[in-house]
């Protein structure tokens, strides 16, 4: 019984060390930045890769800069 509480206490302590780690905070904000890609960026990528008209490339670039 004492061993069970000792293992649980060590597990909680380890989890708290990981949660308070600066690496986890950096990963959290990194994922927030990565997933905040807006539609203007996706339109820009699509225009650069798939489209062949210069008008669409210019309009997608302008929309990306303003948006």
Protein backbone atom coordinates (compact mmCIF):
# COMPACT_ATOMS: atom_id res chain seq x y z
CA UNK A 1 0.00 0.00 0.00
CA UNK A 2 2.82 2.39 0.86
CA UNK A 3 4.58 1.44 -2.37
CA UNK A 4 1.45 2.34 -4.33
CA UNK A 5 1.36 5.86 -2.84
CA UNK A 6 5.10 6.24 -3.37
CA UNK A 7 4.80 5.37 -7.08
CA UNK A 8 1.78 7.67 -7.46
CA UNK A 9 3.66 10.50 -5.72
CA UNK A 10 6.66 10.06 -8.00
CA UNK A 11 4.41 10.01 -11.06
CA UNK A 12 2.67 13.23 -10.02
CA UNK A 13 6.03 14.86 -9.30
CA UNK A 14 7.35 13.83 -12.71
CA UNK A 15 4.23 15.16 -14.45
CA UNK A 16 4.54 18.50 -12.65
CA UNK A 17 8.19 18.80 -13.71
CA UNK A 18 7.25 18.14 -17.33
CA UNK A 19 4.29 20.53 -17.31
CA UNK A 20 6.35 23.34 -15.79
CA UNK A 21 9.14 22.82 -18.27
CA UNK A 22 10.02 25.67 -20.58
CA UNK A 23 10.20 23.20 -23.46
CA UNK A 24 6.52 22.37 -23.11
CA UNK A 25 5.64 26.05 -23.06
CA UNK A 26 7.69 26.58 -26.21
CA UNK A 27 6.01 23.66 -27.95
CA UNK A 28 2.59 24.96 -26.92
CA UNK A 29 3.18 28.39 -28.40
CA UNK A 30 4.86 26.85 -31.43
CA UNK A 31 1.77 24.77 -32.16
CA UNK A 32 -0.44 27.82 -31.67
CA UNK A 33 1.60 29.70 -34.23
CA UNK A 34 1.67 26.79 -36.66
CA UNK A 35 -2.07 26.19 -36.60
CA UNK A 36 -2.97 29.85 -37.05
CA UNK A 37 -2.44 29.72 -40.80
CA UNK A 38 -5.22 31.76 -42.33
CA UNK A 39 -7.05 31.27 -45.59
CA UNK A 40 -5.02 34.02 -47.27
CA UNK A 41 -1.83 32.00 -46.80
CA UNK A 42 -3.50 28.89 -48.21
CA UNK A 43 -4.73 30.86 -51.24
CA UNK A 44 -1.20 32.19 -51.73
CA UNK A 45 0.27 28.69 -51.71
CA UNK A 46 -2.39 27.42 -54.08
CA UNK A 47 -1.81 30.30 -56.50
CA UNK A 48 1.97 29.84 -56.40
CA UNK A 49 1.90 26.08 -56.91
CA UNK A 50 -1.17 25.25 -58.97
CA UNK A 51 -2.27 28.31 -60.92
CA UNK A 52 -0.52 29.58 -64.02
CA UNK A 53 -2.01 33.05 -64.46
CA UNK A 54 -0.07 36.03 -63.20
CA UNK A 55 -3.26 37.85 -62.19
CA UNK A 56 -4.13 35.16 -59.67
CA UNK A 57 -0.60 35.15 -58.28
CA UNK A 58 -0.63 38.91 -57.84
CA UNK A 59 -4.08 38.93 -56.25
CA UNK A 60 -3.17 36.09 -53.89
CA UNK A 61 0.05 37.84 -52.86
CA UNK A 62 -1.81 41.11 -52.29
CA UNK A 63 -4.46 39.35 -50.24
CA UNK A 64 -1.78 37.64 -48.16
CA UNK A 65 0.00 40.92 -47.45
CA UNK A 66 -3.17 42.79 -46.51
CA UNK A 67 -4.79 39.91 -44.63
